[in-house]
Amino acid sequence: MLVEPARHCAMIEALRKGGARGPWLGLLREVLALAGPEAQFLRHSERPWSSATFSGARHTVVLAFEGVSAVAQGEAFIAALPDHEFTLRGSLVADATISSAAHSVLPSPRLLLEAELLVLDDH
């Protein structure tokens, strides 16, 4: 069982109160929980995706991890993301990959990640 950090819960709730709707909120909640409490959410984008037999959306989530322990969490997220079993109502994650990762060490250790997730409609 994953327990979300309070700030991530608050961010999701603020998005909902601001009128945000859709399955991407559940996806974002799970990504942030998997990333851990030291992950900093920077950006989410979504674009439609379809093939001859499936439809859905490709999601991009950008996260930053600052500090030694946060970078370790980011590296654990990189390892865990491809095999994570997402539980999204009415959707399934067909593919989850890290599309870019940038490490820096000065002025302090930092890891910037961009994750790509293909979410298919499951109906």
PDB file of N, CA and C in Angstrom:
ATOM      1  N   MET A   1       0.839  -1.176   0.000  1.00  0.00           N
ATOM      2  CA  MET A   1       0.000   0.000   0.000  1.00  0.00           C
ATOM      3  C   MET A   1       0.889   1.245   0.000  1.00  0.00           C
ATOM      4  N   LEU A   2       0.575   2.196  -0.866  1.00  0.00           N
ATOM      5  CA  LEU A   2       1.324   3.429  -0.929  1.00  0.00           C
ATOM      6  C   LEU A   2       0.575   4.519  -0.181  1.00  0.00           C
ATOM      7  N   VAL A   3       1.276   5.254   0.639  1.00  0.00           N
ATOM      8  CA  VAL A   3       0.680   6.370   1.364  1.00  0.00           C
ATOM      9  C   VAL A   3       1.238   7.651   0.759  1.00  0.00           C
ATOM     10  N   GLU A   4       0.347   8.529   0.339  1.00  0.00           N
ATOM     11  CA  GLU A   4       0.776   9.754  -0.303  1.00  0.00           C
ATOM     12  C   GLU A   4       1.265  10.780   0.703  1.00  0.00           C
ATOM     13  N   PRO A   5       2.303  11.510   0.337  1.00  0.00           N
ATOM     14  CA  PRO A   5       2.703  12.635   1.193  1.00  0.00           C
ATOM     15  C   PRO A   5       1.589  13.679   1.215  1.00  0.00           C
ATOM     16  N   ALA A   6       1.444  14.368   2.317  1.00  0.00           N
ATOM     17  CA  ALA A   6       0.351  15.337   2.474  1.00  0.00           C
ATOM     18  C   ALA A   6       0.386  16.426   1.416  1.00  0.00           C
ATOM     19  N   ARG A   7       1.564  16.908   1.015  1.00  0.00           N
ATOM     20  CA  ARG A   7       1.599  17.990   0.037  1.00  0.00           C
ATOM     21  C   ARG A   7       1.118  17.528  -1.328  1.00  0.00           C
ATOM     22  N   HIS A   8       1.364  16.264  -1.679  1.00  0.00           N
ATOM     23  CA  HIS A   8       0.870  15.752  -2.951  1.00  0.00           C
ATOM     24  C   HIS A   8      -0.650  15.633  -2.919  1.00  0.00           C
ATOM     25  N   CYS A   9      -1.198  15.174  -1.794  1.00  0.00           N
ATOM     26  CA  CYS A   9      -2.656  15.104  -1.641  1.00  0.00           C
ATOM     27  C   CYS A   9      -3.257  16.492  -1.757  1.00  0.00           C
ATOM     28  N   ALA A  10      -2.616  17.468  -1.127  1.00  0.00           N
ATOM     29  CA  ALA A  10      -3.122  18.837  -1.160  1.00  0.00           C
ATOM     30  C   ALA A  10      -3.073  19.394  -2.583  1.00  0.00           C
ATOM     31  N   MET A  11      -2.025  19.068  -3.333  1.00  0.00           N
ATOM     32  CA  MET A  11      -1.917  19.554  -4.698  1.00  0.00           C
ATOM     33  C   MET A  11      -3.022  18.969  -5.570  1.00  0.00           C
ATOM     34  N   ILE A  12      -3.283  17.681  -5.442  1.00  0.00           N
ATOM     35  CA  ILE A  12      -4.344  17.029  -6.215  1.00  0.00           C
ATOM     36  C   ILE A  12      -5.693  17.644  -5.841  1.00  0.00           C
ATOM     37  N   GLU A  13      -5.924  17.865  -4.553  1.00  0.00           N
ATOM     38  CA  GLU A  13      -7.187  18.462  -4.105  1.00  0.00           C
ATOM     39  C   GLU A  13      -7.345  19.884  -4.640  1.00  0.00           C
ATOM     40  N   ALA A  14      -6.262  20.641  -4.671  1.00  0.00           N
ATOM     41  CA  ALA A  14      -6.318  22.009  -5.214  1.00  0.00           C
ATOM     42  C   ALA A  14      -6.647  21.981  -6.707  1.00  0.00           C
ATOM     43  N   LEU A  15      -6.091  21.025  -7.423  1.00  0.00           N
ATOM     44  CA  LEU A  15      -6.413  20.897  -8.845  1.00  0.00           C
ATOM     45  C   LEU A  15      -7.895  20.600  -9.039  1.00  0.00           C
ATOM     46  N   ARG A  16      -8.435  19.701  -8.214  1.00  0.00           N
ATOM     47  CA  ARG A  16      -9.864  19.369  -8.300  1.00  0.00           C
ATOM     48  C   ARG A  16     -10.731  20.587  -8.008  1.00  0.00           C
ATOM     49  N   LYS A  17     -10.403  21.303  -6.943  1.00  0.00           N
ATOM     50  CA  LYS A  17     -11.182  22.489  -6.569  1.00  0.00           C
ATOM     51  C   LYS A  17     -11.107  23.563  -7.641  1.00  0.00           C
ATOM     52  N   GLY A  18     -10.009  23.604  -8.368  1.00  0.00           N
ATOM     53  CA  GLY A  18      -9.847  24.569  -9.446  1.00  0.00           C
ATOM     54  C   GLY A  18     -10.557  24.162 -10.718  1.00  0.00           C
ATOM     55  N   GLY A  19     -11.270  23.041 -10.682  1.00  0.00           N
ATOM     56  CA  GLY A  19     -12.044  22.608 -11.837  1.00  0.00           C
ATOM     57  C   GLY A  19     -11.390  21.518 -12.669  1.00  0.00           C
ATOM     58  N   ALA A  20     -10.218  21.044 -12.266  1.00  0.00           N
ATOM     59  CA  ALA A  20      -9.545  19.987 -13.032  1.00  0.00           C
ATOM     60  C   ALA A  20     -10.351  18.695 -12.929  1.00  0.00           C
ATOM     61  N   ARG A  21     -10.514  18.039 -14.046  1.00  0.00           N
ATOM     62  CA  ARG A  21     -11.261  16.775 -14.101  1.00  0.00           C
ATOM     63  C   ARG A  21     -10.542  15.802 -15.021  1.00  0.00           C
ATOM     64  N   GLY A  22     -10.816  14.551 -14.848  1.00  0.00           N
ATOM     65  CA  GLY A  22     -10.322  13.550 -15.770  1.00  0.00           C
ATOM     66  C   GLY A  22      -9.474  12.494 -15.106  1.00  0.00           C
ATOM     67  N   PRO A  23      -9.232  11.422 -15.853  1.00  0.00           N
ATOM     68  CA  PRO A  23      -8.466  10.301 -15.305  1.00  0.00           C
ATOM     69  C   PRO A  23      -7.007  10.646 -15.033  1.00  0.00           C
ATOM     70  N   TRP A  24      -6.513  11.736 -15.594  1.00  0.00           N
ATOM     71  CA  TRP A  24      -5.117  12.104 -15.373  1.00  0.00           C
ATOM     72  C   TRP A  24      -4.846  12.435 -13.910  1.00  0.00           C
ATOM     73  N   LEU A  25      -5.874  12.860 -13.163  1.00  0.00           N
ATOM     74  CA  LEU A  25      -5.658  13.135 -11.739  1.00  0.00           C
ATOM     75  C   LEU A  25      -5.273  11.862 -10.981  1.00  0.00           C
ATOM     76  N   GLY A  26      -5.948  10.763 -11.286  1.00  0.00           N
ATOM     77  CA  GLY A  26      -5.605   9.487 -10.657  1.00  0.00           C
ATOM     78  C   GLY A  26      -4.216   9.030 -11.065  1.00  0.00           C
ATOM     79  N   LEU A  27      -3.886   9.221 -12.334  1.00  0.00           N
ATOM     80  CA  LEU A  27      -2.557   8.873 -12.825  1.00  0.00           C
ATOM     81  C   LEU A  27      -1.499   9.693 -12.101  1.00  0.00           C
ATOM     82  N   LEU A  28      -1.722  10.990 -12.001  1.00  0.00           N
ATOM     83  CA  LEU A  28      -0.769  11.860 -11.327  1.00  0.00           C
ATOM     84  C   LEU A  28      -0.622  11.483  -9.858  1.00  0.00           C
ATOM     85  N   ARG A  29      -1.717  11.148  -9.210  1.00  0.00           N
ATOM     86  CA  ARG A  29      -1.675  10.724  -7.800  1.00  0.00           C
ATOM     87  C   ARG A  29      -0.767   9.503  -7.646  1.00  0.00           C
ATOM     88  N   GLU A  30      -0.926   8.524  -8.536  1.00  0.00           N
ATOM     89  CA  GLU A  30      -0.111   7.311  -8.429  1.00  0.00           C
ATOM     90  C   GLU A  30       1.355   7.565  -8.766  1.00  0.00           C
ATOM     91  N   VAL A  31       1.606   8.395  -9.759  1.00  0.00           N
ATOM     92  CA  VAL A  31       2.991   8.720 -10.113  1.00  0.00           C
ATOM     93  C   VAL A  31       3.682   9.398  -8.938  1.00  0.00           C
ATOM     94  N   LEU A  32       3.010  10.360  -8.317  1.00  0.00           N
ATOM     95  CA  LEU A  32       3.609  11.073  -7.184  1.00  0.00           C
ATOM     96  C   LEU A  32       3.827  10.150  -5.986  1.00  0.00           C
ATOM     97  N   ALA A  33       2.908   9.251  -5.748  1.00  0.00           N
ATOM     98  CA  ALA A  33       3.078   8.303  -4.641  1.00  0.00           C
ATOM     99  C   ALA A  33       4.271   7.385  -4.909  1.00  0.00           C
ATOM    100  N   LEU A  34       4.401   6.917  -6.145  1.00  0.00           N
ATOM    101  CA  LEU A  34       5.519   6.052  -6.509  1.00  0.00           C
ATOM    102  C   LEU A  34       6.844   6.806  -6.435  1.00  0.00           C
ATOM    103  N   ALA A  35       6.835   8.078  -6.799  1.00  0.00           N
ATOM    104  CA  ALA A  35       8.054   8.890  -6.802  1.00  0.00           C
ATOM    105  C   ALA A  35       8.565   9.179  -5.397  1.00  0.00           C
ATOM    106  N   GLY A  36       7.672   9.225  -4.423  1.00  0.00           N
ATOM    107  CA  GLY A  36       8.091   9.430  -3.039  1.00  0.00           C
ATOM    108  C   GLY A  36       7.915  10.859  -2.565  1.00  0.00           C
ATOM    109  N   PRO A  37       8.053  11.054  -1.252  1.00  0.00           N
ATOM    110  CA  PRO A  37       7.738  12.343  -0.645  1.00  0.00           C
ATOM    111  C   PRO A  37       8.691  13.479  -1.014  1.00  0.00           C
ATOM    112  N   GLU A  38       9.870  13.167  -1.505  1.00  0.00           N
ATOM    113  CA  GLU A  38      10.816  14.235  -1.833  1.00  0.00           C
ATOM    114  C   GLU A  38      10.726  14.673  -3.293  1.00  0.00           C
ATOM    115  N   ALA A  39       9.853  14.041  -4.071  1.00  0.00           N
ATOM    116  CA  ALA A  39       9.679  14.435  -5.470  1.00  0.00           C
ATOM    117  C   ALA A  39       9.001  15.792  -5.545  1.00  0.00           C
ATOM    118  N   GLN A  40       9.470  16.618  -6.451  1.00  0.00           N
ATOM    119  CA  GLN A  40       8.856  17.919  -6.693  1.00  0.00           C
ATOM    120  C   GLN A  40       8.153  17.847  -8.045  1.00  0.00           C
ATOM    121  N   PHE A  41       6.850  18.027  -8.041  1.00  0.00           N
ATOM    122  CA  PHE A  41       6.069  18.014  -9.275  1.00  0.00           C
ATOM    123  C   PHE A  41       6.296  19.337 -10.005  1.00  0.00           C
ATOM    124  N   LEU A  42       6.709  19.254 -11.273  1.00  0.00           N
ATOM    125  CA  LEU A  42       6.951  20.461 -12.055  1.00  0.00           C
ATOM    126  C   LEU A  42       5.919  20.675 -13.155  1.00  0.00           C
ATOM    127  N   ARG A  43       5.535  19.590 -13.837  1.00  0.00           N
ATOM    128  CA  ARG A  43       4.637  19.788 -14.979  1.00  0.00           C
ATOM    129  C   ARG A  43       3.976  18.475 -15.402  1.00  0.00           C
ATOM    130  N   HIS A  44       2.763  18.608 -15.921  1.00  0.00           N
ATOM    131  CA  HIS A  44       2.042  17.493 -16.544  1.00  0.00           C
ATOM    132  C   HIS A  44       1.470  17.986 -17.859  1.00  0.00           C
ATOM    133  N   SER A  45       1.548  17.156 -18.887  1.00  0.00           N
ATOM    134  CA  SER A  45       0.872  17.466 -20.143  1.00  0.00           C
ATOM    135  C   SER A  45       0.257  16.174 -20.678  1.00  0.00           C
ATOM    136  N   GLU A  46      -0.746  16.343 -21.503  1.00  0.00           N
ATOM    137  CA  GLU A  46      -1.495  15.201 -22.042  1.00  0.00           C
ATOM    138  C   GLU A  46      -1.816  15.493 -23.495  1.00  0.00           C
ATOM    139  N   ARG A  47      -1.649  14.476 -24.336  1.00  0.00           N
ATOM    140  CA  ARG A  47      -2.054  14.628 -25.733  1.00  0.00           C
ATOM    141  C   ARG A  47      -2.759  13.348 -26.176  1.00  0.00           C
ATOM    142  N   PRO A  48      -3.793  13.473 -27.008  1.00  0.00           N
ATOM    143  CA  PRO A  48      -4.539  12.306 -27.458  1.00  0.00           C
ATOM    144  C   PRO A  48      -3.643  11.329 -28.218  1.00  0.00           C
ATOM    145  N   TRP A  49      -4.007  10.063 -28.125  1.00  0.00           N
ATOM    146  CA  TRP A  49      -3.267   9.005 -28.801  1.00  0.00           C
ATOM    147  C   TRP A  49      -4.279   7.980 -29.287  1.00  0.00           C
ATOM    148  N   SER A  50      -4.055   7.417 -30.465  1.00  0.00           N
ATOM    149  CA  SER A  50      -4.929   6.334 -30.938  1.00  0.00           C
ATOM    150  C   SER A  50      -4.182   5.474 -31.946  1.00  0.00           C
ATOM    151  N   SER A  51      -4.653   4.250 -32.063  1.00  0.00           N
ATOM    152  CA  SER A  51      -4.173   3.316 -33.075  1.00  0.00           C
ATOM    153  C   SER A  51      -5.410   2.758 -33.753  1.00  0.00           C
ATOM    154  N   ALA A  52      -5.235   1.766 -34.585  1.00  0.00           N
ATOM    155  CA  ALA A  52      -6.378   1.173 -35.277  1.00  0.00           C
ATOM    156  C   ALA A  52      -7.347   0.509 -34.306  1.00  0.00           C
ATOM    157  N   THR A  53      -6.851   0.061 -33.155  1.00  0.00           N
ATOM    158  CA  THR A  53      -7.708  -0.675 -32.222  1.00  0.00           C
ATOM    159  C   THR A  53      -7.861  -0.048 -30.839  1.00  0.00           C
ATOM    160  N   PHE A  54      -7.034   0.913 -30.498  1.00  0.00           N
ATOM    161  CA  PHE A  54      -7.070   1.493 -29.152  1.00  0.00           C
ATOM    162  C   PHE A  54      -7.087   3.017 -29.223  1.00  0.00           C
ATOM    163  N   SER A  55      -7.608   3.617 -28.156  1.00  0.00           N
ATOM    164  CA  SER A  55      -7.527   5.065 -28.022  1.00  0.00           C
ATOM    165  C   SER A  55      -7.153   5.389 -26.576  1.00  0.00           C
ATOM    166  N   GLY A  56      -6.616   6.568 -26.399  1.00  0.00           N
ATOM    167  CA  GLY A  56      -6.206   6.978 -25.062  1.00  0.00           C
ATOM    168  C   GLY A  56      -5.444   8.278 -25.138  1.00  0.00           C
ATOM    169  N   ALA A  57      -4.421   8.392 -24.296  1.00  0.00           N
ATOM    170  CA  ALA A  57      -3.631   9.622 -24.243  1.00  0.00           C
ATOM    171  C   ALA A  57      -2.212   9.302 -23.801  1.00  0.00           C
ATOM    172  N   ARG A  58      -1.292  10.112 -24.288  1.00  0.00           N
ATOM    173  CA  ARG A  58       0.094  10.031 -23.850  1.00  0.00           C
ATOM    174  C   ARG A  58       0.323  11.177 -22.862  1.00  0.00           C
ATOM    175  N   HIS A  59       0.786  10.815 -21.675  1.00  0.00           N
ATOM    176  CA  HIS A  59       1.004  11.777 -20.596  1.00  0.00           C
ATOM    177  C   HIS A  59       2.498  11.967 -20.374  1.00  0.00           C
ATOM    178  N   THR A  60       2.882  13.201 -20.119  1.00  0.00           N
ATOM    179  CA  THR A  60       4.251  13.526 -19.755  1.00  0.00           C
ATOM    180  C   THR A  60       4.214  14.169 -18.371  1.00  0.00           C
ATOM    181  N   VAL A  61       5.023  13.638 -17.464  1.00  0.00           N
ATOM    182  CA  VAL A  61       5.119  14.172 -16.099  1.00  0.00           C
ATOM    183  C   VAL A  61       6.586  14.505 -15.850  1.00  0.00           C
ATOM    184  N   VAL A  62       6.838  15.728 -15.420  1.00  0.00           N
ATOM    185  CA  VAL A  62       8.200  16.167 -15.127  1.00  0.00           C
ATOM    186  C   VAL A  62       8.338  16.345 -13.619  1.00  0.00           C
ATOM    187  N   LEU A  63       9.359  15.701 -13.059  1.00  0.00           N
ATOM    188  CA  LEU A  63       9.627  15.738 -11.623  1.00  0.00           C
ATOM    189  C   LEU A  63      11.069  16.133 -11.372  1.00  0.00           C
ATOM    190  N   ALA A  64      11.312  16.771 -10.250  1.00  0.00           N
ATOM    191  CA  ALA A  64      12.674  17.096  -9.815  1.00  0.00           C
ATOM    192  C   ALA A  64      12.910  16.480  -8.443  1.00  0.00           C
ATOM    193  N   PHE A  65      14.135  16.077  -8.214  1.00  0.00           N
ATOM    194  CA  PHE A  65      14.565  15.512  -6.934  1.00  0.00           C
ATOM    195  C   PHE A  65      15.823  16.266  -6.530  1.00  0.00           C
ATOM    196  N   GLU A  66      15.784  16.990  -5.404  1.00  0.00           N
ATOM    197  CA  GLU A  66      16.917  17.810  -4.983  1.00  0.00           C
ATOM    198  C   GLU A  66      17.454  17.341  -3.645  1.00  0.00           C
ATOM    199  N   GLY A  67      18.744  17.096  -3.594  1.00  0.00           N
ATOM    200  CA  GLY A  67      19.405  16.597  -2.399  1.00  0.00           C
ATOM    201  C   GLY A  67      19.761  15.125  -2.566  1.00  0.00           C
ATOM    202  N   VAL A  68      20.708  14.674  -1.749  1.00  0.00           N
ATOM    203  CA  VAL A  68      21.221  13.308  -1.877  1.00  0.00           C
ATOM    204  C   VAL A  68      20.118  12.270  -1.707  1.00  0.00           C
ATOM    205  N   SER A  69      19.313  12.375  -0.649  1.00  0.00           N
ATOM    206  CA  SER A  69      18.271  11.361  -0.427  1.00  0.00           C
ATOM    207  C   SER A  69      17.172  11.457  -1.478  1.00  0.00           C
ATOM    208  N   ALA A  70      16.861  12.659  -1.933  1.00  0.00           N
ATOM    209  CA  ALA A  70      15.840  12.817  -2.973  1.00  0.00           C
ATOM    210  C   ALA A  70      16.313  12.204  -4.281  1.00  0.00           C
ATOM    211  N   VAL A  71      17.577  12.413  -4.637  1.00  0.00           N
ATOM    212  CA  VAL A  71      18.109  11.816  -5.867  1.00  0.00           C
ATOM    213  C   VAL A  71      18.049  10.292  -5.787  1.00  0.00           C
ATOM    214  N   ALA A  72      18.320   9.737  -4.611  1.00  0.00           N
ATOM    215  CA  ALA A  72      18.202   8.280  -4.423  1.00  0.00           C
ATOM    216  C   ALA A  72      16.759   7.835  -4.653  1.00  0.00           C
ATOM    217  N   GLN A  73      15.785   8.626  -4.163  1.00  0.00           N
ATOM    218  CA  GLN A  73      14.367   8.315  -4.414  1.00  0.00           C
ATOM    219  C   GLN A  73      14.064   8.382  -5.902  1.00  0.00           C
ATOM    220  N   GLY A  74      14.624   9.365  -6.586  1.00  0.00           N
ATOM    221  CA  GLY A  74      14.414   9.499  -8.026  1.00  0.00           C
ATOM    222  C   GLY A  74      14.961   8.307  -8.784  1.00  0.00           C
ATOM    223  N   GLU A  75      16.116   7.836  -8.380  1.00  0.00           N
ATOM    224  CA  GLU A  75      16.697   6.660  -9.032  1.00  0.00           C
ATOM    225  C   GLU A  75      15.859   5.413  -8.763  1.00  0.00           C
ATOM    226  N   ALA A  76      15.289   5.311  -7.566  1.00  0.00           N
ATOM    227  CA  ALA A  76      14.378   4.195  -7.265  1.00  0.00           C
ATOM    228  C   ALA A  76      13.108   4.300  -8.118  1.00  0.00           C
ATOM    229  N   PHE A  77      12.625   5.516  -8.325  1.00  0.00           N
ATOM    230  CA  PHE A  77      11.460   5.740  -9.189  1.00  0.00           C
ATOM    231  C   PHE A  77      11.754   5.289 -10.621  1.00  0.00           C
ATOM    232  N   ILE A  78      12.929   5.619 -11.130  1.00  0.00           N
ATOM    233  CA  ILE A  78      13.332   5.196 -12.479  1.00  0.00           C
ATOM    234  C   ILE A  78      13.246   3.674 -12.592  1.00  0.00           C
ATOM    235  N   ALA A  79      13.750   2.975 -11.583  1.00  0.00           N
ATOM    236  CA  ALA A  79      13.749   1.507 -11.605  1.00  0.00           C
ATOM    237  C   ALA A  79      12.344   0.925 -11.479  1.00  0.00           C
ATOM    238  N   ALA A  80      11.491   1.563 -10.685  1.00  0.00           N
ATOM    239  CA  ALA A  80      10.169   1.005 -10.394  1.00  0.00           C
ATOM    240  C   ALA A  80       9.112   1.322 -11.444  1.00  0.00           C
ATOM    241  N   LEU A  81       9.220   2.453 -12.120  1.00  0.00           N
ATOM    242  CA  LEU A  81       8.149   2.908 -13.015  1.00  0.00           C
ATOM    243  C   LEU A  81       7.747   1.909 -14.097  1.00  0.00           C
ATOM    244  N   PRO A  82       8.674   1.324 -14.842  1.00  0.00           N
ATOM    245  CA  PRO A  82       8.250   0.451 -15.951  1.00  0.00           C
ATOM    246  C   PRO A  82       7.406  -0.761 -15.532  1.00  0.00           C
ATOM    247  N   ASP A  83       7.621  -1.258 -14.323  1.00  0.00           N
ATOM    248  CA  ASP A  83       6.907  -2.458 -13.865  1.00  0.00           C
ATOM    249  C   ASP A  83       5.766  -2.161 -12.902  1.00  0.00           C
ATOM    250  N   HIS A  84       5.522  -0.887 -12.615  1.00  0.00           N
ATOM    251  CA  HIS A  84       4.478  -0.533 -11.648  1.00  0.00           C
ATOM    252  C   HIS A  84       3.096  -0.876 -12.202  1.00  0.00           C
ATOM    253  N   GLU A  85       2.261  -1.468 -11.366  1.00  0.00           N
ATOM    254  CA  GLU A  85       0.887  -1.800 -11.738  1.00  0.00           C
ATOM    255  C   GLU A  85      -0.030  -0.659 -11.306  1.00  0.00           C
ATOM    256  N   PHE A  86      -0.415   0.174 -12.255  1.00  0.00           N
ATOM    257  CA  PHE A  86      -1.303   1.291 -11.967  1.00  0.00           C
ATOM    258  C   PHE A  86      -2.735   0.781 -11.834  1.00  0.00           C
ATOM    259  N   THR A  87      -3.507   1.424 -10.964  1.00  0.00           N
ATOM    260  CA  THR A  87      -4.916   1.061 -10.781  1.00  0.00           C
ATOM    261  C   THR A  87      -5.769   2.285 -11.087  1.00  0.00           C
ATOM    262  N   LEU A  88      -6.137   2.415 -12.338  1.00  0.00           N
ATOM    263  CA  LEU A  88      -6.932   3.548 -12.794  1.00  0.00           C
ATOM    264  C   LEU A  88      -8.281   3.038 -13.274  1.00  0.00           C
ATOM    265  N   ARG A  89      -9.339   3.602 -12.755  1.00  0.00           N
ATOM    266  CA  ARG A  89     -10.678   3.190 -13.141  1.00  0.00           C
ATOM    267  C   ARG A  89     -10.945   3.574 -14.605  1.00  0.00           C
ATOM    268  N   GLY A  90     -11.300   2.584 -15.429  1.00  0.00           N
ATOM    269  CA  GLY A  90     -11.648   2.836 -16.823  1.00  0.00           C
ATOM    270  C   GLY A  90     -10.472   3.045 -17.751  1.00  0.00           C
ATOM    271  N   SER A  91      -9.263   2.883 -17.238  1.00  0.00           N
ATOM    272  CA  SER A  91      -8.065   3.081 -18.052  1.00  0.00           C
ATOM    273  C   SER A  91      -6.995   2.081 -17.637  1.00  0.00           C
ATOM    274  N   LEU A  92      -6.033   1.865 -18.529  1.00  0.00           N
ATOM    275  CA  LEU A  92      -4.886   1.055 -18.161  1.00  0.00           C
ATOM    276  C   LEU A  92      -3.631   1.681 -18.737  1.00  0.00           C
ATOM    277  N   VAL A  93      -2.556   1.582 -17.988  1.00  0.00           N
ATOM    278  CA  VAL A  93      -1.279   2.121 -18.422  1.00  0.00           C
ATOM    279  C   VAL A  93      -0.587   1.037 -19.236  1.00  0.00           C
ATOM    280  N   ALA A  94      -0.468   1.280 -20.542  1.00  0.00           N
ATOM    281  CA  ALA A  94       0.121   0.303 -21.441  1.00  0.00           C
ATOM    282  C   ALA A  94       1.638   0.403 -21.476  1.00  0.00           C
ATOM    283  N   ASP A  95       2.165   1.592 -21.199  1.00  0.00           N
ATOM    284  CA  ASP A  95       3.608   1.791 -21.249  1.00  0.00           C
ATOM    285  C   ASP A  95       3.982   2.938 -20.325  1.00  0.00           C
ATOM    286  N   ALA A  96       5.046   2.766 -19.577  1.00  0.00           N
ATOM    287  CA  ALA A  96       5.531   3.810 -18.678  1.00  0.00           C
ATOM    288  C   ALA A  96       7.055   3.793 -18.727  1.00  0.00           C
ATOM    289  N   THR A  97       7.633   4.890 -19.208  1.00  0.00           N
ATOM    290  CA  THR A  97       9.079   4.957 -19.362  1.00  0.00           C
ATOM    291  C   THR A  97       9.604   6.320 -18.913  1.00  0.00           C
ATOM    292  N   ILE A  98      10.890   6.357 -18.671  1.00  0.00           N
ATOM    293  CA  ILE A  98      11.577   7.620 -18.422  1.00  0.00           C
ATOM    294  C   ILE A  98      12.136   8.072 -19.766  1.00  0.00           C
ATOM    295  N   SER A  99      11.679   9.227 -20.247  1.00  0.00           N
ATOM    296  CA  SER A  99      12.136   9.707 -21.549  1.00  0.00           C
ATOM    297  C   SER A  99      13.379  10.578 -21.442  1.00  0.00           C
ATOM    298  N   SER A 100      13.608  11.161 -20.261  1.00  0.00           N
ATOM    299  CA  SER A 100      14.865  11.886 -20.059  1.00  0.00           C
ATOM    300  C   SER A 100      15.186  11.960 -18.573  1.00  0.00           C
ATOM    301  N   ALA A 101      16.473  11.983 -18.298  1.00  0.00           N
ATOM    302  CA  ALA A 101      16.961  12.113 -16.929  1.00  0.00           C
ATOM    303  C   ALA A 101      18.227  12.947 -16.976  1.00  0.00           C
ATOM    304  N   ALA A 102      18.280  13.983 -16.170  1.00  0.00           N
ATOM    305  CA  ALA A 102      19.454  14.849 -16.126  1.00  0.00           C
ATOM    306  C   ALA A 102      19.925  15.007 -14.683  1.00  0.00           C
ATOM    307  N   HIS A 103      21.161  14.587 -14.431  1.00  0.00           N
ATOM    308  CA  HIS A 103      21.772  14.732 -13.115  1.00  0.00           C
ATOM    309  C   HIS A 103      22.652  15.982 -13.105  1.00  0.00           C
ATOM    310  N   SER A 104      22.669  16.677 -11.984  1.00  0.00           N
ATOM    311  CA  SER A 104      23.638  17.739 -11.761  1.00  0.00           C
ATOM    312  C   SER A 104      24.101  17.627 -10.313  1.00  0.00           C
ATOM    313  N   VAL A 105      25.296  18.132 -10.034  1.00  0.00           N
ATOM    314  CA  VAL A 105      25.838  17.992  -8.681  1.00  0.00           C
ATOM    315  C   VAL A 105      26.061  19.329  -7.980  1.00  0.00           C
ATOM    316  N   LEU A 106      26.096  20.405  -8.725  1.00  0.00           N
ATOM    317  CA  LEU A 106      26.326  21.716  -8.127  1.00  0.00           C
ATOM    318  C   LEU A 106      25.164  22.638  -8.379  1.00  0.00           C
ATOM    319  N   PRO A 107      24.696  23.407  -7.471  1.00  0.00           N
ATOM    320  CA  PRO A 107      25.252  23.601  -6.130  1.00  0.00           C
ATOM    321  C   PRO A 107      24.921  22.463  -5.175  1.00  0.00           C
ATOM    322  N   SER A 108      23.938  21.623  -5.525  1.00  0.00           N
ATOM    323  CA  SER A 108      23.656  20.416  -4.737  1.00  0.00           C
ATOM    324  C   SER A 108      23.139  19.359  -5.702  1.00  0.00           C
ATOM    325  N   PRO A 109      23.186  18.086  -5.291  1.00  0.00           N
ATOM    326  CA  PRO A 109      22.721  17.033  -6.191  1.00  0.00           C
ATOM    327  C   PRO A 109      21.266  17.256  -6.614  1.00  0.00           C
ATOM    328  N   ARG A 110      21.011  17.081  -7.903  1.00  0.00           N
ATOM    329  CA  ARG A 110      19.663  17.276  -8.445  1.00  0.00           C
ATOM    330  C   ARG A 110      19.447  16.303  -9.590  1.00  0.00           C
ATOM    331  N   LEU A 111      18.249  15.752  -9.649  1.00  0.00           N
ATOM    332  CA  LEU A 111      17.847  14.856 -10.726  1.00  0.00           C
ATOM    333  C   LEU A 111      16.539  15.386 -11.300  1.00  0.00           C
ATOM    334  N   LEU A 112      16.537  15.640 -12.588  1.00  0.00           N
ATOM    335  CA  LEU A 112      15.345  16.102 -13.284  1.00  0.00           C
ATOM    336  C   LEU A 112      14.897  14.984 -14.210  1.00  0.00           C
ATOM    337  N   LEU A 113      13.645  14.528 -14.035  1.00  0.00           N
ATOM    338  CA  LEU A 113      13.117  13.407 -14.812  1.00  0.00           C
ATOM    339  C   LEU A 113      11.895  13.802 -15.621  1.00  0.00           C
ATOM    340  N   GLU A 114      11.783  13.194 -16.787  1.00  0.00           N
ATOM    341  CA  GLU A 114      10.569  13.313 -17.593  1.00  0.00           C
ATOM    342  C   GLU A 114      10.071  11.891 -17.848  1.00  0.00           C
ATOM    343  N   ALA A 115       8.871  11.607 -17.385  1.00  0.00           N
ATOM    344  CA  ALA A 115       8.270  10.289 -17.553  1.00  0.00           C
ATOM    345  C   ALA A 115       7.170  10.377 -18.610  1.00  0.00           C
ATOM    346  N   GLU A 116       7.103   9.373 -19.466  1.00  0.00           N
ATOM    347  CA  GLU A 116       6.066   9.266 -20.493  1.00  0.00           C
ATOM    348  C   GLU A 116       5.208   8.056 -20.166  1.00  0.00           C
ATOM    349  N   LEU A 117       3.885   8.263 -20.131  1.00  0.00           N
ATOM    350  CA  LEU A 117       2.969   7.168 -19.828  1.00  0.00           C
ATOM    351  C   LEU A 117       1.876   7.127 -20.892  1.00  0.00           C
ATOM    352  N   LEU A 118       1.690   5.961 -21.471  1.00  0.00           N
ATOM    353  CA  LEU A 118       0.622   5.765 -22.451  1.00  0.00           C
ATOM    354  C   LEU A 118      -0.554   5.139 -21.710  1.00  0.00           C
ATOM    355  N   VAL A 119      -1.663   5.874 -21.637  1.00  0.00           N
ATOM    356  CA  VAL A 119      -2.844   5.427 -20.911  1.00  0.00           C
ATOM    357  C   VAL A 119      -3.941   5.145 -21.932  1.00  0.00           C
ATOM    358  N   LEU A 120      -4.425   3.904 -21.947  1.00  0.00           N
ATOM    359  CA  LEU A 120      -5.467   3.495 -22.895  1.00  0.00           C
ATOM    360  C   LEU A 120      -6.821   3.454 -22.217  1.00  0.00           C
ATOM    361  N   ASP A 121      -7.846   3.826 -22.969  1.00  0.00           N
ATOM    362  CA  ASP A 121      -9.213   3.699 -22.474  1.00  0.00           C
ATOM    363  C   ASP A 121      -9.556   2.222 -22.411  1.00  0.00           C
ATOM    364  N   ASP A 122     -10.092   1.788 -21.297  1.00  0.00           N
ATOM    365  CA  ASP A 122     -10.409   0.376 -21.066  1.00  0.00           C
ATOM    366  C   ASP A 122     -11.908   0.169 -21.032  1.00  0.00           C
ATOM    367  N   HIS A 123     -12.508   0.249 -22.231  1.00  0.00           N
ATOM    368  CA  HIS A 123     -13.956  -0.006 -22.317  1.00  0.00           C
ATOM    369  C   HIS A 123     -14.329  -0.563 -23.653  1.00  0.00           C
TER     370      HIS A 123
END
